[in-house]
């Protein structure tokens, strides 16, 4: 349990610092995706008795997808 929480904390730290060079939509998308993914992952994981693991996986996946979508919006607005 401690190992899982430590890895989750380190993962969130690295995800949070990697978004600094992107625009506001990428940052907002990553944060929103992480929150939605964590909630959905916790609900789905609770059905199998692993709510914390489901929340961690959902948060990571949601952050990646939300950040990618927000980054695409930023690039569209910049004209790339």
N, C-alpha and C. Protein backbone atom coordinates (compact mmCIF):
# COMPACT_ATOMS: atom_id res chain seq x y z
N UNK A 1 0.81 -1.18 0.00
CA UNK A 1 0.00 0.00 0.00
C UNK A 1 0.87 1.26 0.00
N UNK A 2 1.92 1.26 0.82
CA UNK A 2 2.81 2.42 0.87
C UNK A 2 3.54 2.59 -0.46
N UNK A 3 3.91 1.49 -1.09
CA UNK A 3 4.61 1.56 -2.37
C UNK A 3 3.69 2.16 -3.43
N UNK A 4 2.44 1.76 -3.44
CA UNK A 4 1.49 2.29 -4.40
C UNK A 4 1.29 3.78 -4.21
N UNK A 5 1.14 4.23 -2.98
CA UNK A 5 0.96 5.65 -2.71
C UNK A 5 2.21 6.45 -3.07
N UNK A 6 3.38 5.90 -2.82
CA UNK A 6 4.62 6.58 -3.17
C UNK A 6 4.75 6.72 -4.68
N UNK A 7 4.46 5.65 -5.40
CA UNK A 7 4.53 5.72 -6.86
C UNK A 7 3.49 6.69 -7.41
N UNK A 8 2.32 6.73 -6.83
CA UNK A 8 1.28 7.65 -7.26
C UNK A 8 1.72 9.10 -7.03
N UNK A 9 2.32 9.37 -5.88
CA UNK A 9 2.79 10.72 -5.59
C UNK A 9 3.90 11.14 -6.55
N UNK A 10 4.83 10.24 -6.82
CA UNK A 10 5.90 10.56 -7.77
C UNK A 10 5.36 10.77 -9.18
N UNK A 11 4.41 9.93 -9.57
CA UNK A 11 3.81 10.08 -10.90
C UNK A 11 3.10 11.40 -11.06
N UNK A 12 2.36 11.81 -10.04
CA UNK A 12 1.67 13.11 -10.10
C UNK A 12 2.66 14.26 -10.13
N UNK A 13 3.76 14.12 -9.43
CA UNK A 13 4.79 15.16 -9.45
C UNK A 13 5.37 15.32 -10.85
N UNK A 14 5.70 14.20 -11.49
CA UNK A 14 6.27 14.28 -12.83
C UNK A 14 5.26 14.76 -13.84
N UNK A 15 4.01 14.34 -13.73
CA UNK A 15 2.97 14.81 -14.65
C UNK A 15 2.74 16.31 -14.48
N UNK A 16 2.76 16.77 -13.26
CA UNK A 16 2.53 18.18 -13.01
C UNK A 16 3.64 19.07 -13.55
N UNK A 17 4.87 18.62 -13.46
CA UNK A 17 5.98 19.44 -13.94
C UNK A 17 6.14 19.34 -15.45
N UNK A 18 5.65 18.29 -16.06
CA UNK A 18 5.83 18.15 -17.50
C UNK A 18 4.88 19.04 -18.29
N UNK A 19 3.86 19.58 -17.65
CA UNK A 19 2.88 20.40 -18.35
C UNK A 19 3.25 21.88 -18.36
N UNK A 20 4.38 22.24 -17.82
CA UNK A 20 4.71 23.65 -17.68
C UNK A 20 4.99 24.35 -19.01
N UNK A 21 5.41 23.62 -20.04
CA UNK A 21 5.75 24.25 -21.31
C UNK A 21 4.57 24.31 -22.27
N UNK A 22 3.43 23.83 -21.88
CA UNK A 22 2.28 23.82 -22.77
C UNK A 22 1.36 24.98 -22.44
N UNK A 23 0.36 25.18 -23.27
CA UNK A 23 -0.57 26.28 -23.09
C UNK A 23 -1.60 26.01 -22.01
N UNK A 24 -2.48 26.97 -21.80
CA UNK A 24 -3.47 26.85 -20.73
C UNK A 24 -4.48 25.72 -20.96
N UNK A 25 -4.82 25.45 -22.21
CA UNK A 25 -5.78 24.38 -22.47
C UNK A 25 -5.19 23.02 -22.15
N UNK A 26 -3.91 22.83 -22.40
CA UNK A 26 -3.26 21.56 -22.08
C UNK A 26 -3.22 21.34 -20.57
N UNK A 27 -2.89 22.37 -19.83
CA UNK A 27 -2.86 22.26 -18.37
C UNK A 27 -4.25 21.99 -17.81
N UNK A 28 -5.22 22.74 -18.28
CA UNK A 28 -6.60 22.56 -17.81
C UNK A 28 -7.13 21.19 -18.20
N UNK A 29 -6.83 20.76 -19.42
CA UNK A 29 -7.28 19.45 -19.87
C UNK A 29 -6.68 18.32 -19.06
N UNK A 30 -5.40 18.44 -18.73
CA UNK A 30 -4.74 17.40 -17.94
C UNK A 30 -5.35 17.33 -16.54
N UNK A 31 -5.59 18.48 -15.93
CA UNK A 31 -6.16 18.49 -14.58
C UNK A 31 -7.59 17.95 -14.59
N UNK A 32 -8.38 18.39 -15.55
CA UNK A 32 -9.76 17.92 -15.64
C UNK A 32 -9.82 16.43 -15.94
N UNK A 33 -8.98 16.00 -16.87
CA UNK A 33 -8.94 14.58 -17.20
C UNK A 33 -8.52 13.72 -16.02
N UNK A 34 -7.57 14.21 -15.24
CA UNK A 34 -7.12 13.46 -14.06
C UNK A 34 -8.25 13.33 -13.03
N UNK A 35 -8.99 14.41 -12.82
CA UNK A 35 -10.09 14.35 -11.86
C UNK A 35 -11.20 13.41 -12.32
N UNK A 36 -11.59 13.54 -13.57
CA UNK A 36 -12.65 12.68 -14.10
C UNK A 36 -12.18 11.22 -14.12
N UNK A 37 -10.94 11.00 -14.56
CA UNK A 37 -10.40 9.65 -14.61
C UNK A 37 -10.28 9.01 -13.24
N UNK A 38 -9.88 9.80 -12.25
CA UNK A 38 -9.77 9.27 -10.89
C UNK A 38 -11.13 8.87 -10.35
N UNK A 39 -12.13 9.71 -10.60
CA UNK A 39 -13.47 9.38 -10.13
C UNK A 39 -14.01 8.13 -10.81
N UNK A 40 -13.88 8.08 -12.12
CA UNK A 40 -14.37 6.90 -12.85
C UNK A 40 -13.58 5.65 -12.47
N UNK A 41 -12.26 5.79 -12.33
CA UNK A 41 -11.45 4.64 -11.94
C UNK A 41 -11.77 4.13 -10.56
N UNK A 42 -12.07 5.05 -9.63
CA UNK A 42 -12.43 4.64 -8.27
C UNK A 42 -13.75 3.90 -8.26
N UNK A 43 -14.70 4.38 -9.06
CA UNK A 43 -16.01 3.71 -9.12
C UNK A 43 -15.87 2.32 -9.72
N UNK A 44 -15.15 2.25 -10.83
CA UNK A 44 -14.97 0.95 -11.49
C UNK A 44 -14.12 0.02 -10.62
N UNK A 45 -13.04 0.56 -10.03
CA UNK A 45 -12.19 -0.25 -9.17
C UNK A 45 -12.88 -0.73 -7.91
N UNK A 46 -13.84 0.05 -7.43
CA UNK A 46 -14.58 -0.35 -6.22
C UNK A 46 -15.37 -1.63 -6.46
N UNK A 47 -15.79 -1.85 -7.67
CA UNK A 47 -16.55 -3.06 -7.99
C UNK A 47 -15.71 -4.32 -7.82
N UNK A 48 -14.39 -4.16 -7.99
CA UNK A 48 -13.51 -5.32 -7.82
C UNK A 48 -12.74 -5.26 -6.50
N UNK A 49 -13.05 -4.30 -5.65
CA UNK A 49 -12.39 -4.19 -4.35
C UNK A 49 -11.05 -3.48 -4.41
N UNK A 50 -10.76 -2.78 -5.48
CA UNK A 50 -9.48 -2.08 -5.63
C UNK A 50 -9.71 -0.63 -6.08
N UNK A 51 -10.40 0.12 -5.25
CA UNK A 51 -10.77 1.49 -5.59
C UNK A 51 -9.55 2.39 -5.73
N UNK A 52 -8.56 2.24 -4.86
CA UNK A 52 -7.37 3.10 -4.92
C UNK A 52 -6.57 2.86 -6.19
N UNK A 53 -6.39 1.61 -6.54
CA UNK A 53 -5.65 1.30 -7.76
C UNK A 53 -6.42 1.79 -8.99
N UNK A 54 -7.72 1.61 -8.98
CA UNK A 54 -8.54 2.10 -10.09
C UNK A 54 -8.46 3.60 -10.23
N UNK A 55 -8.48 4.30 -9.09
CA UNK A 55 -8.37 5.76 -9.12
C UNK A 55 -7.03 6.21 -9.66
N UNK A 56 -5.95 5.53 -9.27
CA UNK A 56 -4.62 5.89 -9.74
C UNK A 56 -4.48 5.68 -11.24
N UNK A 57 -4.95 4.53 -11.71
CA UNK A 57 -4.86 4.24 -13.15
C UNK A 57 -5.76 5.20 -13.93
N UNK A 58 -6.96 5.45 -13.43
CA UNK A 58 -7.87 6.37 -14.09
C UNK A 58 -7.32 7.79 -14.14
N UNK A 59 -6.69 8.23 -13.05
CA UNK A 59 -6.12 9.58 -13.02
C UNK A 59 -4.98 9.72 -14.02
N UNK A 60 -4.12 8.72 -14.09
CA UNK A 60 -3.01 8.79 -15.04
C UNK A 60 -3.51 8.79 -16.48
N UNK A 61 -4.43 7.89 -16.78
CA UNK A 61 -4.97 7.84 -18.14
C UNK A 61 -5.73 9.09 -18.50
N UNK A 62 -6.54 9.60 -17.57
CA UNK A 62 -7.30 10.82 -17.82
C UNK A 62 -6.41 12.03 -18.02
N UNK A 63 -5.33 12.11 -17.26
CA UNK A 63 -4.40 13.23 -17.42
C UNK A 63 -3.73 13.21 -18.78
N UNK A 64 -3.34 12.05 -19.24
CA UNK A 64 -2.68 11.93 -20.54
C UNK A 64 -3.65 12.32 -21.66
N UNK A 65 -4.85 11.76 -21.62
CA UNK A 65 -5.82 12.04 -22.67
C UNK A 65 -6.27 13.50 -22.62
N UNK A 66 -6.56 14.02 -21.44
CA UNK A 66 -6.97 15.42 -21.31
C UNK A 66 -5.87 16.39 -21.73
N UNK A 67 -4.64 16.09 -21.37
CA UNK A 67 -3.52 16.94 -21.77
C UNK A 67 -3.30 16.94 -23.26
N UNK A 68 -3.43 15.78 -23.87
CA UNK A 68 -3.27 15.69 -25.33
C UNK A 68 -4.37 16.47 -26.05
N UNK A 69 -5.59 16.36 -25.57
CA UNK A 69 -6.69 17.10 -26.19
C UNK A 69 -6.50 18.61 -26.01
N UNK A 70 -6.13 19.04 -24.81
CA UNK A 70 -5.89 20.46 -24.57
C UNK A 70 -4.73 20.99 -25.37
N UNK A 71 -3.68 20.18 -25.53
CA UNK A 71 -2.54 20.60 -26.34
C UNK A 71 -2.95 20.76 -27.80
N UNK A 72 -3.80 19.89 -28.29
CA UNK A 72 -4.28 20.02 -29.68
C UNK A 72 -5.07 21.31 -29.84
N UNK A 73 -5.85 21.68 -28.85
CA UNK A 73 -6.59 22.95 -28.91
C UNK A 73 -5.63 24.13 -28.91
N UNK A 74 -4.59 24.07 -28.07
CA UNK A 74 -3.61 25.15 -28.03
C UNK A 74 -2.92 25.32 -29.37
N UNK A 75 -2.55 24.21 -29.98
CA UNK A 75 -1.86 24.30 -31.29
C UNK A 75 -2.79 24.82 -32.36
N UNK A 76 -4.07 24.49 -32.29
CA UNK A 76 -5.03 25.00 -33.26
C UNK A 76 -5.17 26.50 -33.13
N UNK A 77 -5.22 27.00 -31.90
CA UNK A 77 -5.36 28.43 -31.68
C UNK A 77 -4.12 29.20 -32.11
N UNK A 78 -2.96 28.58 -31.99
CA UNK A 78 -1.70 29.22 -32.39
C UNK A 78 -1.49 29.18 -33.90
N UNK A 79 -2.21 28.29 -34.58
CA UNK A 79 -2.08 28.20 -36.03
C UNK A 79 -1.00 27.25 -36.49
N UNK A 80 -0.61 26.25 -35.67
CA UNK A 80 0.41 25.29 -36.08
C UNK A 80 -0.18 24.28 -37.01
